């Protein structure tokens, strides 16, 4: 869980997103940072027994800096006014599936899967789906998964109108092969993060994504043939 003070800090930061205000509120930031790290530690303690691939993760592997990268952005506000947590077995330079928690007023959600992979990884995903679509269909139709996430998030901008090159239009998994992104998400109200059972509830929801993450990571680590 996070404290109400942490949520208030994020709220105030959004309204005063500048360096002077941030420096004047450095003690509040330090308290926020400690609260953030404690939440990540609790999540790791809950998730590791359920997913052995996370065993080597430390808090520092799962958090994000509060400073925004504004080099190529029209938005020059220097700080993030949300909390992000990423639990994944991927090492530096490796693209892997995982579990994500986003905490933001009016935009909180949990998610998992693979977001907009690079062409080489997208090619691997499509090959895995083409050969083992029965495995993926079983994962997506599992009762607990359907209850929590229903299916892949569908953004028409990330869906091909026609089958990708090399795949026939009558392939039994053609609609999955058209996807260019493979993530699932569920929204929640930011007030839930202050509840004492937040970690327990969210970890049980997130672990529902493990079979999907395993399928994706199997694809990403497969050898080309």
C-alpha atoms as a PDB file:
ATOM      1  CA  UNK A   1       0.000   0.000   0.000  1.00  0.00           C
ATOM      2  CA  UNK A   2       0.924   3.651  -0.341  1.00  0.00           C
ATOM      3  CA  UNK A   3       0.135   6.356   2.160  1.00  0.00           C
ATOM      4  CA  UNK A   4      -2.328   9.160   1.553  1.00  0.00           C
ATOM      5  CA  UNK A   5       0.636  11.530   1.970  1.00  0.00           C
ATOM      6  CA  UNK A   6       2.301   9.917  -1.050  1.00  0.00           C
ATOM      7  CA  UNK A   7      -0.824  10.367  -3.166  1.00  0.00           C
ATOM      8  CA  UNK A   8      -1.086  13.976  -2.010  1.00  0.00           C
ATOM      9  CA  UNK A   9       2.548  14.552  -2.974  1.00  0.00           C
ATOM     10  CA  UNK A  10       1.840  13.241  -6.491  1.00  0.00           C
ATOM     11  CA  UNK A  11      -1.257  15.433  -6.712  1.00  0.00           C
ATOM     12  CA  UNK A  12       0.657  18.519  -5.607  1.00  0.00           C
ATOM     13  CA  UNK A  13       3.578  17.714  -7.897  1.00  0.00           C
ATOM     14  CA  UNK A  14       1.252  17.552 -10.889  1.00  0.00           C
ATOM     15  CA  UNK A  15      -0.041  21.031 -10.019  1.00  0.00           C
ATOM     16  CA  UNK A  16       3.456  22.422  -9.364  1.00  0.00           C
ATOM     17  CA  UNK A  17       5.685  20.579 -11.793  1.00  0.00           C
ATOM     18  CA  UNK A  18       8.788  22.721 -11.640  1.00  0.00           C
ATOM     19  CA  UNK A  19      12.248  22.498 -10.125  1.00  0.00           C
ATOM     20  CA  UNK A  20      11.798  25.236  -7.518  1.00  0.00           C
ATOM     21  CA  UNK A  21       8.709  23.598  -6.022  1.00  0.00           C
ATOM     22  CA  UNK A  22      10.382  20.199  -6.096  1.00  0.00           C
ATOM     23  CA  UNK A  23      13.444  21.466  -4.224  1.00  0.00           C
ATOM     24  CA  UNK A  24      11.249  23.193  -1.657  1.00  0.00           C
ATOM     25  CA  UNK A  25       9.476  19.866  -1.086  1.00  0.00           C
ATOM     26  CA  UNK A  26      12.555  17.642  -1.033  1.00  0.00           C
ATOM     27  CA  UNK A  27      11.637  16.100   2.334  1.00  0.00           C
ATOM     28  CA  UNK A  28       8.207  15.137   0.980  1.00  0.00           C
ATOM     29  CA  UNK A  29       9.898  13.589  -2.038  1.00  0.00           C
ATOM     30  CA  UNK A  30      12.212  11.523   0.173  1.00  0.00           C
ATOM     31  CA  UNK A  31       9.189  10.227   2.106  1.00  0.00           C
ATOM     32  CA  UNK A  32       7.443   9.441  -1.196  1.00  0.00           C
ATOM     33  CA  UNK A  33      10.509   7.591  -2.482  1.00  0.00           C
ATOM     34  CA  UNK A  34      10.719   5.427   0.649  1.00  0.00           C
ATOM     35  CA  UNK A  35       6.996   4.631   0.427  1.00  0.00           C
ATOM     36  CA  UNK A  36       7.375   3.750  -3.271  1.00  0.00           C
ATOM     37  CA  UNK A  37      10.289   1.415  -2.582  1.00  0.00           C
ATOM     38  CA  UNK A  38       8.451  -0.274   0.294  1.00  0.00           C
ATOM     39  CA  UNK A  39       5.506  -0.976  -1.992  1.00  0.00           C
ATOM     40  CA  UNK A  40       7.801  -2.545  -4.587  1.00  0.00           C
ATOM     41  CA  UNK A  41       9.486  -4.654  -1.901  1.00  0.00           C
ATOM     42  CA  UNK A  42       6.103  -5.917  -0.712  1.00  0.00           C
ATOM     43  CA  UNK A  43       5.072  -6.745  -4.281  1.00  0.00           C
ATOM     44  CA  UNK A  44       8.271  -8.687  -4.879  1.00  0.00           C
ATOM     45  CA  UNK A  45       7.728 -10.633  -1.654  1.00  0.00           C
ATOM     46  CA  UNK A  46       4.231 -11.530  -2.853  1.00  0.00           C
ATOM     47  CA  UNK A  47       5.102 -12.313  -6.479  1.00  0.00           C
ATOM     48  CA  UNK A  48       8.379 -14.222  -6.201  1.00  0.00           C
ATOM     49  CA  UNK A  49       6.844 -17.370  -4.646  1.00  0.00           C
ATOM     50  CA  UNK A  50       4.358 -17.444  -7.534  1.00  0.00           C
ATOM     51  CA  UNK A  51       6.818 -16.732 -10.364  1.00  0.00           C
ATOM     52  CA  UNK A  52      10.356 -18.080  -9.973  1.00  0.00           C
ATOM     53  CA  UNK A  53      11.596 -15.974 -12.909  1.00  0.00           C
ATOM     54  CA  UNK A  54      11.404 -12.905 -10.641  1.00  0.00           C
ATOM     55  CA  UNK A  55      13.618 -14.405  -7.936  1.00  0.00           C
ATOM     56  CA  UNK A  56      16.742 -12.363  -8.743  1.00  0.00           C
ATOM     57  CA  UNK A  57      14.926  -9.030  -8.880  1.00  0.00           C
ATOM     58  CA  UNK A  58      15.665  -6.291  -6.382  1.00  0.00           C
ATOM     59  CA  UNK A  59      13.672  -3.139  -5.712  1.00  0.00           C
ATOM     60  CA  UNK A  60      16.065  -1.050  -7.816  1.00  0.00           C
ATOM     61  CA  UNK A  61      15.331  -3.262 -10.843  1.00  0.00           C
ATOM     62  CA  UNK A  62      11.611  -2.488 -10.713  1.00  0.00           C
ATOM     63  CA  UNK A  63      11.392   1.270 -10.105  1.00  0.00           C
ATOM     64  CA  UNK A  64      11.662   4.344 -12.322  1.00  0.00           C
ATOM     65  CA  UNK A  65      13.345   7.688 -11.784  1.00  0.00           C
ATOM     66  CA  UNK A  66      10.992  10.567 -11.088  1.00  0.00           C
ATOM     67  CA  UNK A  67      12.797  12.746 -13.641  1.00  0.00           C
ATOM     68  CA  UNK A  68      11.259  12.774 -17.107  1.00  0.00           C
ATOM     69  CA  UNK A  69      13.339  12.487 -20.283  1.00  0.00           C
ATOM     70  CA  UNK A  70      12.304  15.726 -21.986  1.00  0.00           C
ATOM     71  CA  UNK A  71      14.914  15.781 -24.754  1.00  0.00           C
ATOM     72  CA  UNK A  72      12.495  14.800 -27.512  1.00  0.00           C
ATOM     73  CA  UNK A  73       9.192  15.775 -25.883  1.00  0.00           C
ATOM     74  CA  UNK A  74       7.045  18.842 -26.400  1.00  0.00           C
ATOM     75  CA  UNK A  75       6.041  18.509 -22.745  1.00  0.00           C
ATOM     76  CA  UNK A  76       8.928  20.047 -20.808  1.00  0.00           C
ATOM     77  CA  UNK A  77       7.609  19.404 -17.294  1.00  0.00           C
ATOM     78  CA  UNK A  78      10.593  17.873 -15.496  1.00  0.00           C
ATOM     79  CA  UNK A  79       8.945  15.300 -13.197  1.00  0.00           C
ATOM     80  CA  UNK A  80       6.588  12.330 -13.411  1.00  0.00           C
ATOM     81  CA  UNK A  81       3.430  12.656 -11.345  1.00  0.00           C
ATOM     82  CA  UNK A  82       2.677   8.930 -11.400  1.00  0.00           C
ATOM     83  CA  UNK A  83       4.216   5.747 -10.021  1.00  0.00           C
ATOM     84  CA  UNK A  84       5.317   2.908 -12.281  1.00  0.00           C
ATOM     85  CA  UNK A  85       6.411  -0.585 -11.194  1.00  0.00           C
ATOM     86  CA  UNK A  86       7.828  -3.121 -13.678  1.00  0.00           C
ATOM     87  CA  UNK A  87       8.474  -6.732 -12.648  1.00  0.00           C
ATOM     88  CA  UNK A  88      10.281  -8.658 -15.377  1.00  0.00           C
ATOM     89  CA  UNK A  89      13.067 -11.215 -15.685  1.00  0.00           C
ATOM     90  CA  UNK A  90      14.544  -9.390 -18.659  1.00  0.00           C
ATOM     91  CA  UNK A  91      18.117  -8.192 -18.280  1.00  0.00           C
ATOM     92  CA  UNK A  92      19.494  -4.966 -19.726  1.00  0.00           C
ATOM     93  CA  UNK A  93      19.158  -4.986 -23.493  1.00  0.00           C
ATOM     94  CA  UNK A  94      16.591  -7.809 -23.438  1.00  0.00           C
ATOM     95  CA  UNK A  95      12.952  -7.352 -24.262  1.00  0.00           C
ATOM     96  CA  UNK A  96      10.848  -9.609 -22.046  1.00  0.00           C
ATOM     97  CA  UNK A  97       7.257  -9.781 -20.945  1.00  0.00           C
ATOM     98  CA  UNK A  98       6.388  -8.966 -17.349  1.00  0.00           C
ATOM     99  CA  UNK A  99       3.984  -7.362 -14.888  1.00  0.00           C
ATOM    100  CA  UNK A 100       3.320  -3.616 -14.690  1.00  0.00           C
ATOM    101  CA  UNK A 101       1.502  -1.440 -12.167  1.00  0.00           C
ATOM    102  CA  UNK A 102       0.706   2.189 -13.005  1.00  0.00           C
ATOM    103  CA  UNK A 103      -0.546   4.466 -10.232  1.00  0.00           C
ATOM    104  CA  UNK A 104      -1.940   7.794 -11.385  1.00  0.00           C
ATOM    105  CA  UNK A 105      -4.975   9.830 -10.436  1.00  0.00           C
ATOM    106  CA  UNK A 106      -7.601   9.031 -13.047  1.00  0.00           C
ATOM    107  CA  UNK A 107      -5.407   6.559 -14.897  1.00  0.00           C
ATOM    108  CA  UNK A 108      -4.329   3.666 -12.663  1.00  0.00           C
ATOM    109  CA  UNK A 109      -4.036   0.177 -14.112  1.00  0.00           C
ATOM    110  CA  UNK A 110      -2.243  -3.154 -13.962  1.00  0.00           C
ATOM    111  CA  UNK A 111      -0.929  -4.798 -17.120  1.00  0.00           C
ATOM    112  CA  UNK A 112       1.203  -7.535 -18.553  1.00  0.00           C
ATOM    113  CA  UNK A 113       2.395  -8.897 -21.857  1.00  0.00           C
ATOM    114  CA  UNK A 114       4.491  -7.300 -24.583  1.00  0.00           C
ATOM    115  CA  UNK A 115       3.905  -3.706 -25.683  1.00  0.00           C
ATOM    116  CA  UNK A 116       4.702  -2.749 -29.281  1.00  0.00           C
ATOM    117  CA  UNK A 117       7.741  -5.019 -29.791  1.00  0.00           C
ATOM    118  CA  UNK A 118      10.541  -4.197 -32.209  1.00  0.00           C
ATOM    119  CA  UNK A 119      10.311  -5.885 -35.648  1.00  0.00           C
ATOM    120  CA  UNK A 120      12.627  -8.790 -34.743  1.00  0.00           C
ATOM    121  CA  UNK A 121      10.639  -9.629 -31.613  1.00  0.00           C
ATOM    122  CA  UNK A 122       7.327  -9.152 -33.426  1.00  0.00           C
ATOM    123  CA  UNK A 123       8.503 -11.659 -36.021  1.00  0.00           C
ATOM    124  CA  UNK A 124       9.300 -14.161 -33.244  1.00  0.00           C
ATOM    125  CA  UNK A 125       5.901 -13.609 -31.638  1.00  0.00           C
ATOM    126  CA  UNK A 126       4.066 -14.248 -34.889  1.00  0.00           C
ATOM    127  CA  UNK A 127       6.066 -17.384 -35.557  1.00  0.00           C
ATOM    128  CA  UNK A 128       5.242 -18.705 -32.081  1.00  0.00           C
ATOM    129  CA  UNK A 129       1.563 -17.912 -32.558  1.00  0.00           C
ATOM    130  CA  UNK A 130       1.491 -19.524 -35.996  1.00  0.00           C
ATOM    131  CA  UNK A 131       2.978 -22.784 -34.755  1.00  0.00           C
ATOM    132  CA  UNK A 132       1.500 -22.919 -31.255  1.00  0.00           C
ATOM    133  CA  UNK A 133      -1.741 -20.973 -31.499  1.00  0.00           C
ATOM    134  CA  UNK A 134      -3.561 -23.723 -29.589  1.00  0.00           C
ATOM    135  CA  UNK A 135      -1.379 -22.935 -26.561  1.00  0.00           C
ATOM    136  CA  UNK A 136      -2.201 -19.235 -26.772  1.00  0.00           C
ATOM    137  CA  UNK A 137      -5.905 -19.844 -27.323  1.00  0.00           C
ATOM    138  CA  UNK A 138      -5.966 -22.013 -24.199  1.00  0.00           C
ATOM    139  CA  UNK A 139      -4.306 -19.254 -22.173  1.00  0.00           C
ATOM    140  CA  UNK A 140      -6.699 -16.570 -23.414  1.00  0.00           C
ATOM    141  CA  UNK A 141      -9.773 -18.710 -22.807  1.00  0.00           C
ATOM    142  CA  UNK A 142      -8.837 -19.778 -19.257  1.00  0.00           C
ATOM    143  CA  UNK A 143     -11.608 -18.814 -16.820  1.00  0.00           C
ATOM    144  CA  UNK A 144      -9.535 -16.719 -14.406  1.00  0.00           C
ATOM    145  CA  UNK A 145      -7.809 -14.907 -17.245  1.00  0.00           C
ATOM    146  CA  UNK A 146     -11.127 -14.104 -18.940  1.00  0.00           C
ATOM    147  CA  UNK A 147     -12.545 -12.804 -15.663  1.00  0.00           C
ATOM    148  CA  UNK A 148      -9.643 -10.425 -15.003  1.00  0.00           C
ATOM    149  CA  UNK A 149      -8.469  -9.340 -18.467  1.00  0.00           C
ATOM    150  CA  UNK A 150     -10.930 -10.726 -21.065  1.00  0.00           C
ATOM    151  CA  UNK A 151      -8.425 -10.608 -23.945  1.00  0.00           C
ATOM    152  CA  UNK A 152      -5.573  -8.598 -25.432  1.00  0.00           C
ATOM    153  CA  UNK A 153      -6.124  -4.844 -25.365  1.00  0.00           C
ATOM    154  CA  UNK A 154      -7.139  -3.856 -28.859  1.00  0.00           C
ATOM    155  CA  UNK A 155      -5.962  -0.588 -30.335  1.00  0.00           C
ATOM    156  CA  UNK A 156      -6.843  -0.433 -34.014  1.00  0.00           C
ATOM    157  CA  UNK A 157      -3.665   1.543 -34.672  1.00  0.00           C
ATOM    158  CA  UNK A 158      -1.738  -1.572 -33.590  1.00  0.00           C
ATOM    159  CA  UNK A 159      -3.707  -4.071 -35.680  1.00  0.00           C
ATOM    160  CA  UNK A 160      -3.029  -4.891 -39.318  1.00  0.00           C
ATOM    161  CA  UNK A 161      -5.963  -4.784 -41.731  1.00  0.00           C
ATOM    162  CA  UNK A 162      -4.585  -7.781 -43.624  1.00  0.00           C
ATOM    163  CA  UNK A 163      -2.546 -10.812 -42.533  1.00  0.00           C
ATOM    164  CA  UNK A 164       1.178 -10.103 -42.135  1.00  0.00           C
ATOM    165  CA  UNK A 165       3.449 -11.056 -45.006  1.00  0.00           C
ATOM    166  CA  UNK A 166       3.995 -14.798 -45.160  1.00  0.00           C
ATOM    167  CA  UNK A 167       0.717 -15.783 -43.491  1.00  0.00           C
ATOM    168  CA  UNK A 168      -2.496 -16.840 -45.203  1.00  0.00           C
ATOM    169  CA  UNK A 169      -5.816 -15.114 -44.525  1.00  0.00           C
ATOM    170  CA  UNK A 170      -7.391 -18.459 -43.601  1.00  0.00           C
ATOM    171  CA  UNK A 171      -4.820 -19.254 -40.892  1.00  0.00           C
ATOM    172  CA  UNK A 172      -6.802 -20.291 -37.762  1.00  0.00           C
ATOM    173  CA  UNK A 173      -4.997 -17.640 -35.688  1.00  0.00           C
ATOM    174  CA  UNK A 174      -5.078 -14.892 -38.313  1.00  0.00           C
ATOM    175  CA  UNK A 175      -6.670 -12.311 -35.987  1.00  0.00           C
ATOM    176  CA  UNK A 176      -3.888 -12.850 -33.434  1.00  0.00           C
ATOM    177  CA  UNK A 177      -1.264 -12.689 -36.170  1.00  0.00           C
ATOM    178  CA  UNK A 178      -2.556  -9.256 -37.197  1.00  0.00           C
ATOM    179  CA  UNK A 179      -1.700  -7.822 -33.774  1.00  0.00           C
ATOM    180  CA  UNK A 180       1.364  -5.603 -33.421  1.00  0.00           C
ATOM    181  CA  UNK A 181       1.136  -5.405 -29.628  1.00  0.00           C
ATOM    182  CA  UNK A 182       0.319  -8.101 -27.073  1.00  0.00           C
ATOM    183  CA  UNK A 183      -0.650  -6.578 -23.741  1.00  0.00           C
ATOM    184  CA  UNK A 184      -3.577  -7.012 -21.348  1.00  0.00           C
ATOM    185  CA  UNK A 185      -4.656  -4.497 -18.730  1.00  0.00           C
ATOM    186  CA  UNK A 186      -7.223  -3.768 -16.037  1.00  0.00           C
ATOM    187  CA  UNK A 187      -8.035  -0.361 -14.562  1.00  0.00           C
ATOM    188  CA  UNK A 188      -8.408   0.354 -10.856  1.00  0.00           C
ATOM    189  CA  UNK A 189      -9.208   3.402  -8.759  1.00  0.00           C
ATOM    190  CA  UNK A 190      -6.196   5.120  -7.244  1.00  0.00           C
ATOM    191  CA  UNK A 191      -7.841   5.048  -3.791  1.00  0.00           C
ATOM    192  CA  UNK A 192      -7.339   1.262  -3.743  1.00  0.00           C
ATOM    193  CA  UNK A 193      -3.592   1.696  -3.364  1.00  0.00           C
ATOM    194  CA  UNK A 194      -4.031   2.955   0.209  1.00  0.00           C
ATOM    195  CA  UNK A 195      -5.832  -0.231   1.304  1.00  0.00           C
ATOM    196  CA  UNK A 196      -3.819  -2.667   3.419  1.00  0.00           C
ATOM    197  CA  UNK A 197      -4.716  -5.579   1.138  1.00  0.00           C
ATOM    198  CA  UNK A 198      -3.694  -3.796  -2.079  1.00  0.00           C
ATOM    199  CA  UNK A 199      -0.572  -5.924  -2.631  1.00  0.00           C
ATOM    200  CA  UNK A 200      -2.400  -9.171  -1.943  1.00  0.00           C
ATOM    201  CA  UNK A 201      -5.259  -8.335  -4.306  1.00  0.00           C
ATOM    202  CA  UNK A 202      -3.109  -7.020  -7.149  1.00  0.00           C
ATOM    203  CA  UNK A 203      -0.541  -9.819  -6.964  1.00  0.00           C
ATOM    204  CA  UNK A 204      -3.334 -12.389  -7.339  1.00  0.00           C
ATOM    205  CA  UNK A 205      -4.640 -10.531 -10.381  1.00  0.00           C
ATOM    206  CA  UNK A 206      -1.188 -10.128 -11.918  1.00  0.00           C
ATOM    207  CA  UNK A 207      -0.192 -13.760 -11.525  1.00  0.00           C
ATOM    208  CA  UNK A 208      -3.123 -14.627 -13.796  1.00  0.00           C
ATOM    209  CA  UNK A 209      -0.893 -13.241 -16.555  1.00  0.00           C
ATOM    210  CA  UNK A 210       1.955 -15.666 -15.874  1.00  0.00           C
ATOM    211  CA  UNK A 211       0.994 -18.249 -18.555  1.00  0.00           C
ATOM    212  CA  UNK A 212       0.793 -15.448 -21.123  1.00  0.00           C
ATOM    213  CA  UNK A 213       4.142 -14.019 -20.034  1.00  0.00           C
ATOM    214  CA  UNK A 214       5.666 -17.492 -20.233  1.00  0.00           C
ATOM    215  CA  UNK A 215       4.322 -17.941 -23.773  1.00  0.00           C
ATOM    216  CA  UNK A 216       5.680 -14.562 -24.871  1.00  0.00           C
ATOM    217  CA  UNK A 217       9.085 -15.086 -23.268  1.00  0.00           C
ATOM    218  CA  UNK A 218       9.311 -18.535 -24.852  1.00  0.00           C
ATOM    219  CA  UNK A 219       8.814 -16.835 -28.204  1.00  0.00           C
ATOM    220  CA  UNK A 220      11.354 -14.086 -27.522  1.00  0.00           C
ATOM    221  CA  UNK A 221      14.053 -16.525 -26.401  1.00  0.00           C
ATOM    222  CA  UNK A 222      13.550 -18.995 -29.243  1.00  0.00           C
ATOM    223  CA  UNK A 223      16.249 -19.495 -31.841  1.00  0.00           C
ATOM    224  CA  UNK A 224      15.549 -18.427 -35.389  1.00  0.00           C
ATOM    225  CA  UNK A 225      14.945 -21.286 -37.787  1.00  0.00           C
END
